[in-house]
All heavy atoms as atom14 arrays in JSON, in Angstrom:
{
  "sequence": "NVWFRKWKSLPFEEWSDDQWRQLIDEGNAIWQQGSQ",
  "atom14_mask": [
    [1, 1, 1, 1, 1, 1, 1, 1, 0, 0, 0, 0, 0, 0],
    [1, 1, 1, 1, 1, 1, 1, 0, 0, 0, 0, 0, 0, 0],
    [1, 1, 1, 1, 1, 1, 1, 1, 1, 1, 1, 1, 1, 1],
    [1, 1, 1, 1, 1, 1, 1, 1, 1, 1, 1, 0, 0, 0],
    [1, 1, 1, 1, 1, 1, 1, 1, 1, 1, 1, 0, 0, 0],
    [1, 1, 1, 1, 1, 1, 1, 1, 1, 0, 0, 0, 0, 0],
    [1, 1, 1, 1, 1, 1, 1, 1, 1, 1, 1, 1, 1, 1],
    [1, 1, 1, 1, 1, 1, 1, 1, 1, 0, 0, 0, 0, 0],
    [1, 1, 1, 1, 1, 1, 0, 0, 0, 0, 0, 0, 0, 0],
    [1, 1, 1, 1, 1, 1, 1, 1, 0, 0, 0, 0, 0, 0],
    [1, 1, 1, 1, 1, 1, 1, 0, 0, 0, 0, 0, 0, 0],
    [1, 1, 1, 1, 1, 1, 1, 1, 1, 1, 1, 0, 0, 0],
    [1, 1, 1, 1, 1, 1, 1, 1, 1, 0, 0, 0, 0, 0],
    [1, 1, 1, 1, 1, 1, 1, 1, 1, 0, 0, 0, 0, 0],
    [1, 1, 1, 1, 1, 1, 1, 1, 1, 1, 1, 1, 1, 1],
    [1, 1, 1, 1, 1, 1, 0, 0, 0, 0, 0, 0, 0, 0],
    [1, 1, 1, 1, 1, 1, 1, 1, 0, 0, 0, 0, 0, 0],
    [1, 1, 1, 1, 1, 1, 1, 1, 0, 0, 0, 0, 0, 0],
    [1, 1, 1, 1, 1, 1, 1, 1, 1, 0, 0, 0, 0, 0],
    [1, 1, 1, 1, 1, 1, 1, 1, 1, 1, 1, 1, 1, 1],
    [1, 1, 1, 1, 1, 1, 1, 1, 1, 1, 1, 0, 0, 0],
    [1, 1, 1, 1, 1, 1, 1, 1, 1, 0, 0, 0, 0, 0],
    [1, 1, 1, 1, 1, 1, 1, 1, 0, 0, 0, 0, 0, 0],
    [1, 1, 1, 1, 1, 1, 1, 1, 0, 0, 0, 0, 0, 0],
    [1, 1, 1, 1, 1, 1, 1, 1, 0, 0, 0, 0, 0, 0],
    [1, 1, 1, 1, 1, 1, 1, 1, 1, 0, 0, 0, 0, 0],
    [1, 1, 1, 1, 0, 0, 0, 0, 0, 0, 0, 0, 0, 0],
    [1, 1, 1, 1, 1, 1, 1, 1, 0, 0, 0, 0, 0, 0],
    [1, 1, 1, 1, 1, 0, 0, 0, 0, 0, 0, 0, 0, 0],
    [1, 1, 1, 1, 1, 1, 1, 1, 0, 0, 0, 0, 0, 0],
    [1, 1, 1, 1, 1, 1, 1, 1, 1, 1, 1, 1, 1, 1],
    [1, 1, 1, 1, 1, 1, 1, 1, 1, 0, 0, 0, 0, 0],
    [1, 1, 1, 1, 1, 1, 1, 1, 1, 0, 0, 0, 0, 0],
    [1, 1, 1, 1, 0, 0, 0, 0, 0, 0, 0, 0, 0, 0],
    [1, 1, 1, 1, 1, 1, 0, 0, 0, 0, 0, 0, 0, 0],
    [1, 1, 1, 1, 1, 1, 1, 1, 1, 0, 0, 0, 0, 0]
  ],
  "atom14_positions": [
    [[70.53, 113.11, 68.08], [69.66, 112.62, 67.01], [69.51, 111.11, 66.97], [68.52, 110.61, 66.42], [70.14, 113.13, 65.65], [70.0, 114.64, 65.55], [69.05, 115.22, 66.04], [70.97, 115.27, 64.93], [0.0, 0.0, 0.0], [0.0, 0.0, 0.0], [0.0, 0.0, 0.0], [0.0, 0.0, 0.0], [0.0, 0.0, 0.0], [0.0, 0.0, 0.0]],
    [[70.45, 110.39, 67.53], [70.34, 108.93, 67.51], [69.95, 108.43, 68.91], [68.88, 107.87, 69.11], [71.66, 108.27, 67.03], [71.56, 106.76, 67.07], [72.02, 108.75, 65.63], [0.0, 0.0, 0.0], [0.0, 0.0, 0.0], [0.0, 0.0, 0.0], [0.0, 0.0, 0.0], [0.0, 0.0, 0.0], [0.0, 0.0, 0.0], [0.0, 0.0, 0.0]],
    [[70.81, 108.66, 69.88], [70.63, 108.11, 71.23], [69.44, 108.73, 71.95], [68.54, 108.03, 72.41], [71.93, 108.32, 71.99], [72.0, 107.78, 73.38], [71.8, 106.49, 73.76], [72.32, 108.51, 74.55], [71.98, 106.37, 75.11], [72.3, 107.6, 75.62], [72.62, 109.84, 74.82], [72.58, 107.98, 76.92], [72.9, 110.21, 76.11], [72.88, 109.3, 77.14]],
    [[69.4, 110.06, 72.07], [68.33, 110.73, 72.8], [66.98, 110.49, 72.15], [66.02, 110.13, 72.81], [68.61, 112.23, 72.91], [67.58, 112.98, 73.7], [67.5, 112.85, 75.06], [66.7, 113.85, 73.06], [66.55, 113.54, 75.8], [65.74, 114.55, 73.78], [65.68, 114.39, 75.16], [0.0, 0.0, 0.0], [0.0, 0.0, 0.0], [0.0, 0.0, 0.0]],
    [[66.89, 110.66, 70.84], [65.61, 110.46, 70.15], [65.11, 109.03, 70.26], [63.92, 108.78, 70.39], [65.72, 110.87, 68.69], [65.72, 112.36, 68.53], [65.64, 112.75, 67.09], [65.58, 114.2, 66.98], [65.46, 114.84, 65.85], [65.36, 114.15, 64.73], [65.41, 116.14, 65.83], [0.0, 0.0, 0.0], [0.0, 0.0, 0.0], [0.0, 0.0, 0.0]],
    [[66.04, 108.08, 70.21], [65.65, 106.67, 70.35], [64.97, 106.45, 71.69], [63.88, 105.88, 71.76], [66.89, 105.78, 70.25], [66.64, 104.34, 70.66], [67.94, 103.57, 70.77], [67.71, 102.18, 71.36], [68.96, 101.44, 71.48], [0.0, 0.0, 0.0], [0.0, 0.0, 0.0], [0.0, 0.0, 0.0], [0.0, 0.0, 0.0], [0.0, 0.0, 0.0]],
    [[65.59, 106.93, 72.74], [65.08, 106.65, 74.07], [63.88, 107.51, 74.43], [62.99, 107.06, 75.14], [66.2, 106.76, 75.1], [67.12, 105.6, 74.98], [68.35, 105.59, 74.4], [66.87, 104.27, 75.39], [68.88, 104.32, 74.42], [67.99, 103.49, 75.03], [65.8, 103.65, 76.02], [68.07, 102.13, 75.29], [65.89, 102.28, 76.28], [67.01, 101.54, 75.92]],
    [[63.83, 108.74, 73.97], [62.67, 109.58, 74.33], [61.4, 109.11, 73.64], [60.31, 109.42, 74.08], [62.94, 111.05, 74.08], [62.77, 111.5, 72.66], [62.86, 113.0, 72.55], [62.49, 113.4, 71.14], [62.18, 114.77, 70.99], [0.0, 0.0, 0.0], [0.0, 0.0, 0.0], [0.0, 0.0, 0.0], [0.0, 0.0, 0.0], [0.0, 0.0, 0.0]],
    [[61.54, 108.32, 72.57], [60.36, 107.84, 71.86], [59.72, 106.64, 72.57], [58.58, 106.28, 72.25], [60.71, 107.47, 70.42], [61.56, 106.34, 70.4], [0.0, 0.0, 0.0], [0.0, 0.0, 0.0], [0.0, 0.0, 0.0], [0.0, 0.0, 0.0], [0.0, 0.0, 0.0], [0.0, 0.0, 0.0], [0.0, 0.0, 0.0], [0.0, 0.0, 0.0]],
    [[60.43, 106.03, 73.51], [59.89, 104.89, 74.24], [59.08, 105.39, 75.43], [59.62, 106.08, 76.31], [61.02, 103.99, 74.72], [60.64, 102.73, 75.47], [59.91, 101.76, 74.54], [61.88, 102.06, 76.05], [0.0, 0.0, 0.0], [0.0, 0.0, 0.0], [0.0, 0.0, 0.0], [0.0, 0.0, 0.0], [0.0, 0.0, 0.0], [0.0, 0.0, 0.0]],
    [[57.78, 105.08, 75.48], [56.96, 105.54, 76.61], [57.5, 105.01, 77.94], [57.9, 103.85, 78.03], [55.57, 104.95, 76.31], [55.58, 104.62, 74.86], [57.01, 104.3, 74.52], [0.0, 0.0, 0.0], [0.0, 0.0, 0.0], [0.0, 0.0, 0.0], [0.0, 0.0, 0.0], [0.0, 0.0, 0.0], [0.0, 0.0, 0.0], [0.0, 0.0, 0.0]],
    [[57.51, 105.88, 78.96], [58.09, 105.49, 80.24], [57.4, 104.28, 80.86], [58.05, 103.51, 81.57], [58.07, 106.66, 81.22], [59.19, 107.63, 81.02], [58.92, 108.97, 80.84], [60.51, 107.22, 81.01], [59.96, 109.89, 80.66], [61.55, 108.12, 80.82], [61.27, 109.45, 80.64], [0.0, 0.0, 0.0], [0.0, 0.0, 0.0], [0.0, 0.0, 0.0]],
    [[56.12, 104.08, 80.6], [55.46, 102.92, 81.19], [56.04, 101.61, 80.66], [55.83, 100.55, 81.24], [53.94, 102.96, 80.98], [53.47, 103.04, 79.57], [53.22, 104.47, 79.1], [53.59, 105.43, 79.8], [52.66, 104.63, 78.01], [0.0, 0.0, 0.0], [0.0, 0.0, 0.0], [0.0, 0.0, 0.0], [0.0, 0.0, 0.0], [0.0, 0.0, 0.0]],
    [[56.79, 101.68, 79.57], [57.41, 100.48, 79.0], [58.87, 100.3, 79.43], [59.5, 99.33, 79.07], [57.33, 100.54, 77.47], [55.91, 100.53, 76.95], [55.82, 100.65, 75.44], [56.85, 100.48, 74.75], [54.71, 100.92, 74.94], [0.0, 0.0, 0.0], [0.0, 0.0, 0.0], [0.0, 0.0, 0.0], [0.0, 0.0, 0.0], [0.0, 0.0, 0.0]],
    [[59.4, 101.24, 80.21], [60.8, 101.17, 80.63], [60.97, 100.12, 81.72], [60.16, 99.99, 82.62], [61.28, 102.52, 81.13], [61.58, 103.5, 80.04], [60.76, 103.86, 79.02], [62.77, 104.27, 79.88], [61.36, 104.79, 78.23], [62.59, 105.06, 78.73], [63.94, 104.36, 80.59], [63.58, 105.94, 78.27], [64.92, 105.24, 80.14], [64.73, 106.01, 78.99]],
    [[62.08, 99.4, 81.63], [62.44, 98.4, 82.65], [63.85, 98.71, 83.14], [64.55, 99.56, 82.57], [62.39, 97.0, 82.04], [63.43, 96.86, 81.08], [0.0, 0.0, 0.0], [0.0, 0.0, 0.0], [0.0, 0.0, 0.0], [0.0, 0.0, 0.0], [0.0, 0.0, 0.0], [0.0, 0.0, 0.0], [0.0, 0.0, 0.0], [0.0, 0.0, 0.0]],
    [[64.27, 97.99, 84.16], [65.65, 98.15, 84.65], [66.66, 97.84, 83.53], [67.69, 98.5, 83.42], [65.92, 97.25, 85.84], [65.2, 97.71, 87.1], [64.73, 98.87, 87.13], [65.12, 96.92, 88.05], [0.0, 0.0, 0.0], [0.0, 0.0, 0.0], [0.0, 0.0, 0.0], [0.0, 0.0, 0.0], [0.0, 0.0, 0.0], [0.0, 0.0, 0.0]],
    [[66.35, 96.84, 82.72], [67.25, 96.49, 81.62], [67.37, 97.62, 80.61], [68.45, 97.87, 80.06], [66.77, 95.22, 80.9], [67.01, 93.96, 81.72], [67.87, 93.99, 82.63], [66.34, 92.95, 81.46], [0.0, 0.0, 0.0], [0.0, 0.0, 0.0], [0.0, 0.0, 0.0], [0.0, 0.0, 0.0], [0.0, 0.0, 0.0], [0.0, 0.0, 0.0]],
    [[66.26, 98.31, 80.36], [66.32, 99.43, 79.41], [67.11, 100.6, 79.98], [67.86, 101.24, 79.26], [64.91, 99.83, 78.99], [64.36, 98.8, 78.03], [62.88, 98.87, 77.88], [62.15, 98.99, 78.86], [62.43, 98.78, 76.64], [0.0, 0.0, 0.0], [0.0, 0.0, 0.0], [0.0, 0.0, 0.0], [0.0, 0.0, 0.0], [0.0, 0.0, 0.0]],
    [[66.96, 100.86, 81.28], [67.8, 101.9, 81.9], [69.27, 101.53, 81.79], [70.12, 102.37, 81.48], [67.41, 102.1, 83.37], [66.25, 103.02, 83.56], [64.97, 102.67, 83.88], [66.25, 104.44, 83.43], [64.18, 103.78, 83.95], [64.94, 104.89, 83.68], [67.23, 105.39, 83.12], [64.58, 106.23, 83.65], [66.87, 106.72, 83.09], [65.56, 107.13, 83.34]],
    [[69.57, 100.26, 82.03], [70.95, 99.79, 81.93], [71.47, 99.96, 80.5], [72.6, 100.4, 80.27], [71.03, 98.33, 82.36], [72.22, 97.98, 83.19], [72.24, 96.55, 83.74], [71.01, 95.78, 83.78], [70.12, 95.79, 84.77], [70.3, 96.55, 85.81], [69.04, 95.02, 84.72], [0.0, 0.0, 0.0], [0.0, 0.0, 0.0], [0.0, 0.0, 0.0]],
    [[70.64, 99.63, 79.51], [71.03, 99.77, 78.11], [71.25, 101.25, 77.76], [72.22, 101.59, 77.06], [69.97, 99.17, 77.19], [70.38, 99.18, 75.73], [69.31, 98.56, 74.83], [68.33, 97.98, 75.28], [69.52, 98.7, 73.53], [0.0, 0.0, 0.0], [0.0, 0.0, 0.0], [0.0, 0.0, 0.0], [0.0, 0.0, 0.0], [0.0, 0.0, 0.0]],
    [[70.37, 102.13, 78.23], [70.53, 103.56, 78.0], [71.89, 104.03, 78.52], [72.64, 104.72, 77.82], [69.42, 104.34, 78.71], [69.62, 105.85, 78.84], [69.09, 106.56, 77.62], [68.97, 106.38, 80.1], [0.0, 0.0, 0.0], [0.0, 0.0, 0.0], [0.0, 0.0, 0.0], [0.0, 0.0, 0.0], [0.0, 0.0, 0.0], [0.0, 0.0, 0.0]],
    [[72.23, 103.62, 79.74], [73.51, 104.02, 80.34], [74.68, 103.39, 79.61], [75.68, 104.05, 79.34], [73.51, 103.69, 81.84], [72.49, 104.61, 82.54], [74.9, 103.84, 82.45], [72.16, 104.24, 83.96], [0.0, 0.0, 0.0], [0.0, 0.0, 0.0], [0.0, 0.0, 0.0], [0.0, 0.0, 0.0], [0.0, 0.0, 0.0], [0.0, 0.0, 0.0]],
    [[74.56, 102.11, 79.24], [75.64, 101.45, 78.49], [75.89, 102.15, 77.15], [77.03, 102.34, 76.75], [75.31, 99.98, 78.25], [75.4, 99.14, 79.52], [75.93, 99.63, 80.54], [74.9, 97.99, 79.49], [0.0, 0.0, 0.0], [0.0, 0.0, 0.0], [0.0, 0.0, 0.0], [0.0, 0.0, 0.0], [0.0, 0.0, 0.0], [0.0, 0.0, 0.0]],
    [[74.81, 102.51, 76.46], [74.96, 103.22, 75.19], [75.59, 104.6, 75.41], [76.42, 105.03, 74.62], [73.61, 103.36, 74.49], [73.09, 102.05, 73.94], [71.7, 102.16, 73.36], [71.15, 103.28, 73.24], [71.13, 101.11, 73.01], [0.0, 0.0, 0.0], [0.0, 0.0, 0.0], [0.0, 0.0, 0.0], [0.0, 0.0, 0.0], [0.0, 0.0, 0.0]],
    [[75.19, 105.28, 76.47], [75.8, 106.56, 76.81], [77.29, 106.42, 77.07], [78.11, 107.22, 76.62], [0.0, 0.0, 0.0], [0.0, 0.0, 0.0], [0.0, 0.0, 0.0], [0.0, 0.0, 0.0], [0.0, 0.0, 0.0], [0.0, 0.0, 0.0], [0.0, 0.0, 0.0], [0.0, 0.0, 0.0], [0.0, 0.0, 0.0], [0.0, 0.0, 0.0]],
    [[77.66, 105.36, 77.8], [79.08, 105.11, 78.07], [79.86, 104.82, 76.79], [81.01, 105.25, 76.65], [79.24, 103.96, 79.06], [78.95, 104.36, 80.47], [79.09, 105.52, 80.85], [78.5, 103.4, 81.28], [0.0, 0.0, 0.0], [0.0, 0.0, 0.0], [0.0, 0.0, 0.0], [0.0, 0.0, 0.0], [0.0, 0.0, 0.0], [0.0, 0.0, 0.0]],
    [[79.24, 104.1, 75.87], [79.91, 103.81, 74.59], [80.16, 105.1, 73.81], [81.23, 105.27, 73.21], [79.07, 102.84, 73.76], [0.0, 0.0, 0.0], [0.0, 0.0, 0.0], [0.0, 0.0, 0.0], [0.0, 0.0, 0.0], [0.0, 0.0, 0.0], [0.0, 0.0, 0.0], [0.0, 0.0, 0.0], [0.0, 0.0, 0.0], [0.0, 0.0, 0.0]],
    [[79.19, 106.01, 73.83], [79.38, 107.31, 73.17], [80.48, 108.08, 73.87], [81.37, 108.65, 73.23], [78.06, 108.11, 73.16], [77.0, 107.41, 72.31], [78.3, 109.54, 72.66], [75.6, 107.95, 72.5], [0.0, 0.0, 0.0], [0.0, 0.0, 0.0], [0.0, 0.0, 0.0], [0.0, 0.0, 0.0], [0.0, 0.0, 0.0], [0.0, 0.0, 0.0]],
    [[80.46, 108.07, 75.18], [81.45, 108.77, 75.99], [82.86, 108.27, 75.64], [83.8, 109.05, 75.5], [81.15, 108.53, 77.45], [81.87, 109.37, 78.45], [83.02, 110.1, 78.28], [81.47, 109.6, 79.8], [83.35, 110.74, 79.44], [82.41, 110.45, 80.39], [80.41, 109.15, 80.56], [82.33, 110.86, 81.71], [80.33, 109.56, 81.87], [81.28, 110.41, 82.44]],
    [[83.0, 106.97, 75.48], [84.3, 106.39, 75.16], [84.82, 106.86, 73.8], [86.03, 106.98, 73.61], [84.24, 104.86, 75.2], [84.1, 104.34, 76.62], [83.89, 102.84, 76.67], [83.84, 102.16, 75.64], [83.74, 102.31, 77.87], [0.0, 0.0, 0.0], [0.0, 0.0, 0.0], [0.0, 0.0, 0.0], [0.0, 0.0, 0.0], [0.0, 0.0, 0.0]],
    [[83.91, 107.15, 72.88], [84.33, 107.63, 71.55], [85.02, 108.98, 71.63], [85.81, 109.32, 70.75], [83.12, 107.74, 70.62], [82.5, 106.44, 70.24], [81.26, 106.65, 69.39], [81.21, 107.53, 68.54], [80.26, 105.83, 69.62], [0.0, 0.0, 0.0], [0.0, 0.0, 0.0], [0.0, 0.0, 0.0], [0.0, 0.0, 0.0], [0.0, 0.0, 0.0]],
    [[84.7, 109.75, 72.65], [85.31, 111.07, 72.8], [85.86, 111.28, 74.19], [85.83, 112.39, 74.72], [0.0, 0.0, 0.0], [0.0, 0.0, 0.0], [0.0, 0.0, 0.0], [0.0, 0.0, 0.0], [0.0, 0.0, 0.0], [0.0, 0.0, 0.0], [0.0, 0.0, 0.0], [0.0, 0.0, 0.0], [0.0, 0.0, 0.0], [0.0, 0.0, 0.0]],
    [[86.36, 110.21, 74.79], [86.77, 110.26, 76.19], [87.89, 111.25, 76.49], [88.05, 111.68, 77.62], [87.17, 108.87, 76.69], [88.29, 108.39, 75.98], [0.0, 0.0, 0.0], [0.0, 0.0, 0.0], [0.0, 0.0, 0.0], [0.0, 0.0, 0.0], [0.0, 0.0, 0.0], [0.0, 0.0, 0.0], [0.0, 0.0, 0.0], [0.0, 0.0, 0.0]],
    [[88.64, 111.64, 75.48], [89.71, 112.61, 75.72], [89.19, 114.04, 75.79], [89.93, 114.95, 76.11], [90.83, 112.48, 74.67], [90.45, 112.88, 73.27], [89.87, 111.75, 72.44], [89.14, 110.9, 72.93], [90.19, 111.75, 71.16], [0.0, 0.0, 0.0], [0.0, 0.0, 0.0], [0.0, 0.0, 0.0], [0.0, 0.0, 0.0], [0.0, 0.0, 0.0]]
  ]
}
């Protein structure tokens, strides 16, 4: 509801390498919250 919806609302023609990096960084931060 937060991460996926945020990113799916951004049209792909507006995506840059930095945005892909941010998507992955945010995913890693979520992963760390439940890494066990």
